[in-house]
Amino acid sequence: MKKDVFECEIKVNGLWNKVTVADAHEQGDVLRRCMECHGPIVLMRPGPNGVPRAHAEHRPGHKGCSLGHYFEGTRTMSPSRIE
């Protein structure tokens, strides 16, 4: 991702909650989304010695989210956003 994204949103009891990616890994099979564009994400575990850190990546990439490496300069909601 363009920026280090260490937080995301997960849906618990019908409400979206901002959590760290590390905490989202612990939640098991819950709905997850990008906290900016509400698009689908994949959680990445930390590498050896924590490098790279746990983070989220857009799947599919979205050029309208400043948190992704596809960003083209204009923020928009993901066309495949998760409600």
C-alpha atoms as a PDB file:
ATOM      1  CA  MET A   1       0.000   0.000   0.000  1.00  0.00           C
ATOM      2  CA  LYS A   2       1.082   3.555  -0.538  1.00  0.00           C
ATOM      3  CA  LYS A   3       0.872   4.385   3.166  1.00  0.00           C
ATOM      4  CA  ASP A   4       1.363   2.020   6.053  1.00  0.00           C
ATOM      5  CA  VAL A   5      -2.156   0.879   6.838  1.00  0.00           C
ATOM      6  CA  PHE A   6      -2.287  -0.785  10.207  1.00  0.00           C
ATOM      7  CA  GLU A   7      -6.001  -0.282  10.876  1.00  0.00           C
ATOM      8  CA  CYS A   8      -9.169  -1.458   9.196  1.00  0.00           C
ATOM      9  CA  GLU A   9     -12.846  -1.900  10.016  1.00  0.00           C
ATOM     10  CA  ILE A  10     -14.585  -5.111  11.024  1.00  0.00           C
ATOM     11  CA  LYS A  11     -18.319  -5.695  11.420  1.00  0.00           C
ATOM     12  CA  VAL A  12     -19.358  -6.931  14.851  1.00  0.00           C
ATOM     13  CA  ASN A  13     -23.011  -7.223  15.898  1.00  0.00           C
ATOM     14  CA  GLY A  14     -24.073  -5.221  12.845  1.00  0.00           C
ATOM     15  CA  LEU A  15     -21.737  -2.268  13.559  1.00  0.00           C
ATOM     16  CA  TRP A  16     -18.438  -1.299  11.912  1.00  0.00           C
ATOM     17  CA  ASN A  17     -15.549  -0.953  14.375  1.00  0.00           C
ATOM     18  CA  LYS A  18     -12.085   0.439  13.700  1.00  0.00           C
ATOM     19  CA  VAL A  19      -9.404  -2.015  14.869  1.00  0.00           C
ATOM     20  CA  THR A  20      -5.741  -2.679  14.245  1.00  0.00           C
ATOM     21  CA  VAL A  21      -4.953  -5.216  11.549  1.00  0.00           C
ATOM     22  CA  ALA A  22      -3.308  -7.375  14.214  1.00  0.00           C
ATOM     23  CA  ASP A  23      -6.575  -7.393  16.210  1.00  0.00           C
ATOM     24  CA  ALA A  24      -8.601  -8.097  13.055  1.00  0.00           C
ATOM     25  CA  HIS A  25      -6.520 -11.242  12.519  1.00  0.00           C
ATOM     26  CA  GLU A  26      -7.636 -12.434  15.957  1.00  0.00           C
ATOM     27  CA  GLN A  27     -11.353 -11.968  15.146  1.00  0.00           C
ATOM     28  CA  GLY A  28     -11.485 -14.950  12.803  1.00  0.00           C
ATOM     29  CA  ASP A  29     -14.017 -15.001   9.992  1.00  0.00           C
ATOM     30  CA  VAL A  30     -15.609 -11.532  10.166  1.00  0.00           C
ATOM     31  CA  LEU A  31     -16.454  -9.006   7.468  1.00  0.00           C
ATOM     32  CA  ARG A  32     -13.563  -6.568   6.893  1.00  0.00           C
ATOM     33  CA  ARG A  33     -13.195  -3.392   4.859  1.00  0.00           C
ATOM     34  CA  CYS A  34     -10.913  -0.421   4.239  1.00  0.00           C
ATOM     35  CA  MET A  35     -11.684   2.348   6.699  1.00  0.00           C
ATOM     36  CA  GLU A  36     -11.427   5.050   3.999  1.00  0.00           C
ATOM     37  CA  CYS A  37     -13.075   3.725   0.817  1.00  0.00           C
ATOM     38  CA  HIS A  38     -14.989   0.798   2.405  1.00  0.00           C
ATOM     39  CA  GLY A  39     -13.549  -1.547  -0.222  1.00  0.00           C
ATOM     40  CA  PRO A  40     -12.600  -5.195   0.311  1.00  0.00           C
ATOM     41  CA  ILE A  41      -9.198  -5.864   1.845  1.00  0.00           C
ATOM     42  CA  VAL A  42      -6.893  -8.748   2.614  1.00  0.00           C
ATOM     43  CA  LEU A  43      -5.080  -8.799   5.943  1.00  0.00           C
ATOM     44  CA  MET A  44      -1.356  -9.436   5.770  1.00  0.00           C
ATOM     45  CA  ARG A  45       0.485 -10.933   8.738  1.00  0.00           C
ATOM     46  CA  PRO A  46       3.772  -9.428   9.941  1.00  0.00           C
ATOM     47  CA  GLY A  47       7.007 -10.745   8.495  1.00  0.00           C
ATOM     48  CA  PRO A  48      10.058 -11.962  10.413  1.00  0.00           C
ATOM     49  CA  ASN A  49      10.896  -9.615  13.283  1.00  0.00           C
ATOM     50  CA  GLY A  50       7.755  -7.603  12.432  1.00  0.00           C
ATOM     51  CA  VAL A  51       9.057  -6.348   9.064  1.00  0.00           C
ATOM     52  CA  PRO A  52       6.890  -5.669   7.211  1.00  0.00           C
ATOM     53  CA  ARG A  53       4.305  -4.937   9.868  1.00  0.00           C
ATOM     54  CA  ALA A  54       0.844  -6.461   9.755  1.00  0.00           C
ATOM     55  CA  HIS A  55      -1.145  -4.418   7.249  1.00  0.00           C
ATOM     56  CA  ALA A  56      -4.151  -4.451   4.933  1.00  0.00           C
ATOM     57  CA  GLU A  57      -4.118  -4.486   1.136  1.00  0.00           C
ATOM     58  CA  HIS A  58      -6.988  -3.710  -1.223  1.00  0.00           C
ATOM     59  CA  ARG A  59      -8.331  -6.650  -3.235  1.00  0.00           C
ATOM     60  CA  PRO A  60      -9.048  -5.650  -5.934  1.00  0.00           C
ATOM     61  CA  GLY A  61      -6.905  -2.522  -6.076  1.00  0.00           C
ATOM     62  CA  HIS A  62      -8.777   0.787  -5.996  1.00  0.00           C
ATOM     63  CA  LYS A  63      -7.337   3.933  -7.578  1.00  0.00           C
ATOM     64  CA  GLY A  64      -9.615   6.220  -5.523  1.00  0.00           C
ATOM     65  CA  CYS A  65      -8.293   5.321  -2.052  1.00  0.00           C
ATOM     66  CA  SER A  66      -5.349   7.247  -0.635  1.00  0.00           C
ATOM     67  CA  LEU A  67      -4.488   4.268   1.566  1.00  0.00           C
ATOM     68  CA  GLY A  68      -3.671   2.048  -1.411  1.00  0.00           C
ATOM     69  CA  HIS A  69      -0.690   2.038  -3.739  1.00  0.00           C
ATOM     70  CA  TYR A  70      -3.047   2.378  -6.754  1.00  0.00           C
ATOM     71  CA  PHE A  71      -4.111   5.896  -5.657  1.00  0.00           C
ATOM     72  CA  GLU A  72      -4.325   8.386  -8.537  1.00  0.00           C
ATOM     73  CA  GLY A  73      -5.037  11.562  -6.569  1.00  0.00           C
ATOM     74  CA  THR A  74      -8.839  11.801  -6.288  1.00  0.00           C
ATOM     75  CA  ARG A  75     -10.555  10.054  -3.378  1.00  0.00           C
ATOM     76  CA  THR A  76     -13.660   8.040  -4.196  1.00  0.00           C
ATOM     77  CA  MET A  77     -15.541   5.248  -2.512  1.00  0.00           C
ATOM     78  CA  SER A  78     -14.722   1.772  -3.749  1.00  0.00           C
ATOM     79  CA  PRO A  79     -16.973   0.539  -6.574  1.00  0.00           C
ATOM     80  CA  SER A  80     -17.073  -2.795  -4.702  1.00  0.00           C
ATOM     81  CA  ARG A  81     -17.593  -1.268  -1.250  1.00  0.00           C
ATOM     82  CA  ILE A  82     -18.828  -3.364   1.601  1.00  0.00           C
ATOM     83  CA  GLU A  83     -21.787  -1.953   3.514  1.00  0.00           C
END
